[in-house]
Protein backbone atom coordinates (compact mmCIF):
# COMPACT_ATOMS: atom_id res chain seq x y z
CA MET A 1 -42.11 -50.11 -35.49
CA GLN A 2 -39.35 -51.98 -33.93
CA ASP A 3 -39.95 -55.19 -31.69
CA LYS A 4 -37.79 -54.03 -28.78
CA PRO A 5 -39.46 -51.80 -26.11
CA VAL A 6 -38.28 -48.20 -26.13
CA ALA A 7 -37.47 -46.23 -23.01
CA LEU A 8 -36.68 -42.52 -23.02
CA VAL A 9 -34.60 -41.09 -20.08
CA THR A 10 -34.52 -37.41 -19.61
CA GLY A 11 -31.15 -35.98 -18.17
CA ALA A 12 -29.54 -39.39 -18.98
CA ASN A 13 -25.94 -38.00 -19.82
CA GLN A 14 -24.75 -38.45 -16.27
CA GLY A 15 -25.72 -39.43 -12.67
CA ILE A 16 -28.83 -41.30 -11.89
CA GLY A 17 -30.29 -40.81 -15.51
CA LEU A 18 -27.17 -42.61 -16.97
CA GLN A 19 -27.52 -45.53 -14.57
CA ILE A 20 -31.33 -45.81 -15.25
CA ALA A 21 -30.46 -45.90 -18.94
CA LYS A 22 -27.93 -48.66 -18.36
CA ASP A 23 -30.34 -50.62 -16.14
CA LEU A 24 -32.95 -50.57 -18.70
CA ALA A 25 -30.77 -51.49 -21.57
CA ALA A 26 -29.87 -54.52 -19.46
CA HIS A 27 -33.49 -55.35 -19.39
CA GLY A 28 -33.83 -55.49 -23.09
CA PHE A 29 -34.94 -51.88 -23.91
CA THR A 30 -33.76 -49.69 -26.78
CA VAL A 31 -32.71 -46.63 -24.69
CA LEU A 32 -32.99 -42.96 -25.83
CA VAL A 33 -30.50 -40.99 -23.84
CA GLY A 34 -31.93 -37.62 -23.39
CA SER A 35 -29.32 -34.91 -23.12
CA ARG A 36 -29.26 -31.06 -23.57
CA ASN A 37 -25.68 -31.43 -24.96
CA LEU A 38 -25.81 -33.86 -27.85
CA GLU A 39 -22.08 -34.81 -27.60
CA ARG A 40 -22.39 -35.64 -24.04
CA GLY A 41 -25.50 -37.69 -24.83
CA GLU A 42 -23.57 -39.52 -27.49
CA ALA A 43 -20.76 -40.23 -25.05
CA ALA A 44 -23.32 -41.59 -22.53
CA ALA A 45 -25.04 -43.70 -25.04
CA THR A 46 -21.68 -45.29 -25.92
CA GLU A 47 -21.30 -46.10 -22.37
CA VAL A 48 -24.75 -47.56 -22.18
CA GLY A 49 -24.36 -49.97 -25.23
CA ARG A 50 -25.23 -50.76 -28.68
CA HIS A 51 -29.01 -50.49 -28.11
CA ALA A 52 -28.71 -46.79 -26.86
CA TYR A 53 -29.12 -43.67 -28.91
CA ALA A 54 -28.49 -40.02 -27.89
CA LEU A 55 -31.38 -37.74 -28.21
CA GLN A 56 -30.93 -33.99 -28.09
CA LEU A 57 -33.43 -32.98 -25.36
CA ASP A 58 -33.42 -29.63 -23.56
CA VAL A 59 -36.59 -29.78 -21.31
CA THR A 60 -36.72 -25.92 -21.16
CA ASN A 61 -36.69 -25.45 -24.95
CA GLN A 62 -40.06 -26.22 -26.80
CA ALA A 63 -38.36 -26.59 -30.28
CA SER A 64 -35.99 -29.25 -28.90
CA ILE A 65 -38.74 -31.15 -27.36
CA THR A 66 -40.82 -31.13 -30.42
CA ALA A 67 -37.96 -32.31 -32.63
CA ALA A 68 -37.14 -35.02 -30.04
CA ALA A 69 -40.70 -36.36 -30.12
CA GLN A 70 -40.60 -36.27 -33.91
CA ARG A 71 -37.54 -38.10 -33.95
CA VAL A 72 -38.89 -40.83 -31.70
CA ARG A 73 -41.91 -41.14 -33.82
CA ASN A 74 -40.08 -41.17 -37.14
CA GLU A 75 -36.98 -43.49 -36.17
CA PHE A 76 -38.58 -45.91 -33.47
CA GLY A 77 -42.17 -45.78 -33.96
CA ARG A 78 -43.04 -46.40 -30.20
CA LEU A 79 -42.45 -45.29 -26.81
CA ASP A 80 -42.93 -47.81 -23.95
CA VAL A 81 -41.40 -45.91 -20.88
CA LEU A 82 -40.76 -42.36 -20.13
CA ILE A 83 -38.44 -41.55 -17.27
CA GLN A 84 -38.54 -38.01 -16.36
CA ASN A 85 -35.35 -37.55 -14.63
CA ALA A 86 -33.88 -34.25 -15.92
CA ALA A 87 -33.79 -31.71 -12.95
CA ILE A 88 -31.70 -28.81 -11.39
CA SER A 89 -31.42 -27.91 -7.62
CA ASN A 90 -30.37 -24.40 -8.24
CA THR A 91 -28.61 -21.82 -10.30
CA LYS A 92 -27.07 -19.50 -7.65
CA LYS A 93 -25.52 -21.75 -4.94
CA ARG A 94 -21.86 -21.00 -4.67
CA PRO A 95 -19.33 -23.77 -5.04
CA GLY A 96 -18.62 -25.22 -1.53
CA GLN A 97 -21.68 -23.34 0.07
CA ALA A 98 -23.37 -25.56 2.37
CA VAL A 99 -26.92 -26.59 1.38
CA GLU A 100 -28.16 -25.08 4.73
CA GLU A 101 -26.61 -21.72 3.95
CA TYR A 102 -28.01 -21.70 0.44
CA ALA A 103 -31.48 -22.55 1.95
CA LYS A 104 -31.27 -19.40 4.11
CA THR A 105 -31.35 -17.39 0.90
CA THR A 106 -34.44 -19.14 -0.53
CA ARG A 107 -36.92 -18.58 2.26
CA PRO A 108 -40.41 -17.53 1.11
CA SER A 109 -39.60 -13.90 2.47
CA ASN A 110 -36.24 -13.49 0.68
CA VAL A 111 -36.22 -16.06 -2.22
CA SER A 112 -35.16 -14.68 -5.80
CA LEU A 113 -38.18 -15.26 -8.02
CA ASP A 114 -35.79 -15.54 -10.94
CA GLU A 115 -34.02 -18.48 -9.16
CA MET A 116 -37.43 -20.05 -8.42
CA ARG A 117 -38.54 -19.65 -11.96
CA ALA A 118 -35.40 -21.09 -13.33
CA VAL A 119 -35.56 -24.21 -11.13
CA TRP A 120 -39.38 -24.70 -11.89
CA ASP A 121 -38.79 -24.25 -15.55
CA THR A 122 -36.63 -27.54 -15.51
CA ASN A 123 -38.33 -29.58 -12.93
CA VAL A 124 -41.98 -28.58 -13.23
CA PHE A 125 -42.80 -27.02 -16.61
CA GLY A 126 -40.09 -28.88 -18.44
CA VAL A 127 -41.67 -32.16 -17.22
CA LEU A 128 -45.05 -31.15 -18.35
CA ALA A 129 -43.84 -29.98 -21.81
CA VAL A 130 -42.04 -33.34 -22.49
CA TYR A 131 -45.12 -35.26 -21.25
CA GLN A 132 -47.47 -33.25 -23.61
CA ALA A 133 -45.05 -33.97 -26.47
CA MET A 134 -44.70 -37.77 -25.80
CA VAL A 135 -48.01 -38.81 -24.55
CA PRO A 136 -49.45 -39.57 -27.98
CA LEU A 137 -46.74 -42.08 -28.54
CA LEU A 138 -47.32 -43.60 -25.16
CA ARG A 139 -50.91 -43.91 -25.85
CA LYS A 140 -50.22 -46.03 -28.76
CA THR A 141 -48.20 -48.54 -26.85
CA PRO A 142 -50.28 -51.04 -24.67
CA GLY A 143 -48.90 -51.00 -21.00
CA ALA A 144 -46.72 -47.80 -21.35
CA ARG A 145 -45.20 -46.37 -18.14
CA ILE A 146 -44.09 -43.02 -16.90
CA VAL A 147 -41.81 -42.57 -13.96
CA ASN A 148 -41.16 -39.11 -12.45
CA VAL A 149 -38.04 -38.89 -10.45
CA SER A 150 -39.04 -36.77 -7.55
CA SER A 151 -37.48 -36.37 -4.00
CA GLY A 152 -38.62 -37.06 -0.28
CA VAL A 153 -37.87 -33.33 0.42
CA GLY A 154 -41.07 -32.56 -1.65
CA SER A 155 -43.25 -34.46 0.70
CA LEU A 156 -45.49 -31.93 2.42
CA ALA A 157 -46.69 -34.44 4.98
CA THR A 158 -43.02 -35.28 5.77
CA ASN A 159 -41.92 -31.64 6.29
CA LEU A 160 -44.86 -30.85 8.63
CA ASP A 161 -43.25 -33.39 11.04
CA PRO A 162 -40.81 -31.44 13.28
CA ALA A 163 -38.65 -34.57 13.60
CA PHE A 164 -37.81 -34.73 9.72
CA ALA A 165 -33.94 -34.01 9.44
CA TYR A 166 -34.27 -31.92 6.30
CA ARG A 167 -37.41 -29.90 7.30
CA ALA A 168 -35.27 -26.55 7.76
CA ILE A 169 -34.20 -26.46 3.91
CA PHE A 170 -37.84 -26.90 2.62
CA GLY A 171 -38.53 -23.87 0.63
CA PRO A 172 -40.01 -22.40 -2.71
CA VAL A 173 -37.07 -23.56 -4.94
CA TYR A 174 -36.01 -27.03 -5.20
CA PRO A 175 -38.16 -28.80 -2.59
CA ALA A 176 -41.35 -27.14 -3.57
CA SER A 177 -40.58 -27.80 -7.23
CA LYS A 178 -40.70 -31.59 -6.45
CA THR A 179 -43.92 -31.04 -4.61
CA ALA A 180 -45.32 -29.45 -7.80
CA LEU A 181 -43.94 -32.53 -9.55
CA ASN A 182 -45.68 -34.88 -7.38
CA ALA A 183 -49.12 -32.91 -8.05
CA LEU A 184 -48.40 -33.35 -11.66
CA THR A 185 -47.72 -37.16 -11.28
CA VAL A 186 -51.19 -37.37 -9.63
CA ALA A 187 -52.84 -35.38 -12.44
CA MET A 188 -51.10 -37.47 -15.24
CA ALA A 189 -52.20 -40.67 -13.42
CA ILE A 190 -55.69 -39.59 -13.37
CA GLU A 191 -55.63 -38.50 -16.99
CA LEU A 192 -54.01 -41.71 -18.21
CA GLU A 193 -55.87 -44.27 -16.11
CA PRO A 194 -58.35 -44.97 -18.83
CA ASP A 195 -55.63 -45.72 -21.36
CA GLY A 196 -54.02 -48.20 -18.83
CA ILE A 197 -50.77 -46.14 -18.58
CA LYS A 198 -49.25 -46.28 -15.19
CA VAL A 199 -47.78 -42.84 -13.74
CA ASN A 200 -45.71 -42.95 -10.65
CA ALA A 201 -43.21 -40.69 -8.67
CA VAL A 202 -39.98 -42.25 -7.12
CA SER A 203 -37.44 -40.71 -4.74
CA PRO A 204 -33.91 -41.95 -5.44
CA GLY A 205 -32.77 -41.11 -1.88
CA PHE A 206 -29.80 -38.97 -1.19
CA THR A 207 -27.53 -40.04 -4.17
CA ARG A 208 -24.11 -38.87 -4.91
CA THR A 209 -24.66 -36.72 -7.99
CA ASN A 210 -23.89 -33.42 -9.56
CA LEU A 211 -27.17 -32.21 -8.35
CA ASN A 212 -26.09 -31.96 -4.90
CA GLY A 213 -22.31 -31.59 -5.27
CA TYR A 214 -21.69 -35.11 -4.70
CA ALA A 215 -22.65 -34.83 -1.18
CA GLY A 216 -25.03 -37.73 -1.12
CA THR A 217 -24.69 -40.89 0.93
CA GLU A 218 -25.98 -43.34 -1.80
CA THR A 219 -24.47 -44.55 -5.04
CA VAL A 220 -26.09 -44.03 -8.44
CA VAL A 221 -26.81 -47.67 -8.64
CA GLU A 222 -28.84 -47.55 -5.53
CA GLY A 223 -30.45 -44.17 -6.60
CA ALA A 224 -31.56 -45.72 -10.00
CA ARG A 225 -33.02 -48.94 -8.86
CA GLU A 226 -36.46 -47.76 -7.70
CA ALA A 227 -37.15 -45.82 -10.95
CA VAL A 228 -36.05 -49.09 -12.73
CA ARG A 229 -38.28 -51.28 -10.50
CA VAL A 230 -41.29 -49.08 -11.12
CA ALA A 231 -40.68 -48.80 -14.78
CA LEU A 232 -40.74 -52.55 -14.99
CA LEU A 233 -44.05 -53.12 -13.26
CA GLY A 234 -46.65 -55.39 -14.89
CA PRO A 235 -50.20 -54.44 -15.95
CA ASP A 236 -51.45 -55.14 -12.58
CA GLY A 237 -48.87 -52.68 -10.99
CA PRO A 238 -50.03 -49.57 -9.20
CA THR A 239 -50.46 -46.02 -10.60
CA GLY A 240 -50.45 -42.61 -8.85
CA THR A 241 -47.74 -43.89 -6.19
CA PHE A 242 -44.81 -42.05 -4.59
CA THR A 243 -42.27 -44.63 -3.48
CA ARG A 244 -38.65 -45.00 -2.39
CA TRP A 245 -36.77 -48.47 -2.63
CA GLU A 246 -38.06 -50.97 -2.21
CA ASN A 247 -41.87 -50.03 -2.61
CA GLU A 248 -41.80 -48.05 0.53
CA THR A 249 -44.66 -45.51 0.32
CA ILE A 250 -43.82 -41.75 0.77
CA PRO A 251 -46.60 -39.52 2.00
CA TRP A 252 -47.60 -36.79 -0.37
């Protein structure tokens, strides 16, 4: 087992995930850059620095997840922080199509179940599959952390407020997948509380990334900071929280 703490970031070859990887490396972590495409992961790891390693990890492929966990166990011997960042927003939105127009095709009355399944496969089932594969390693590391990258659009309480600006786009695909992720976060926090492992959800805000066609209003540096802040919380830090920068609680 190496002395440096080890962090795994899923979906780290671009966007917020890449910035989180860079920030954790700057805080002294060995960073595993999770990426579906190994070549892209290797390019991102080079960008992160000499203490970063590409890890082929497709969160929708069980064989890939199992192999990734085995490599972490064999080569690094520990896992201190797991950042569950990999996510997709859709598979059917046309280039240039406004989010509001796409949302009209994903109402509960007309949504494609295949579209919903595809997004949930990454954003919900993929998160759980990676958790199940990595939790034995996390349990061996005192003070381990899990951070699930969620979204404010998944907040049920917020969407029930008629004044919420994005209320009209709440639907069964991306927003509800983040609601389900929040539920998983609570379940994980309850399960791991006796082990002293903190599990929290964070919202990066409306960040300019490929996820939203670069329509966001914040930079990836701003989008990454809450995930990093929560990942670095000490042993007295909270568990089972949903926050945005800086420690602003989002209602479930």
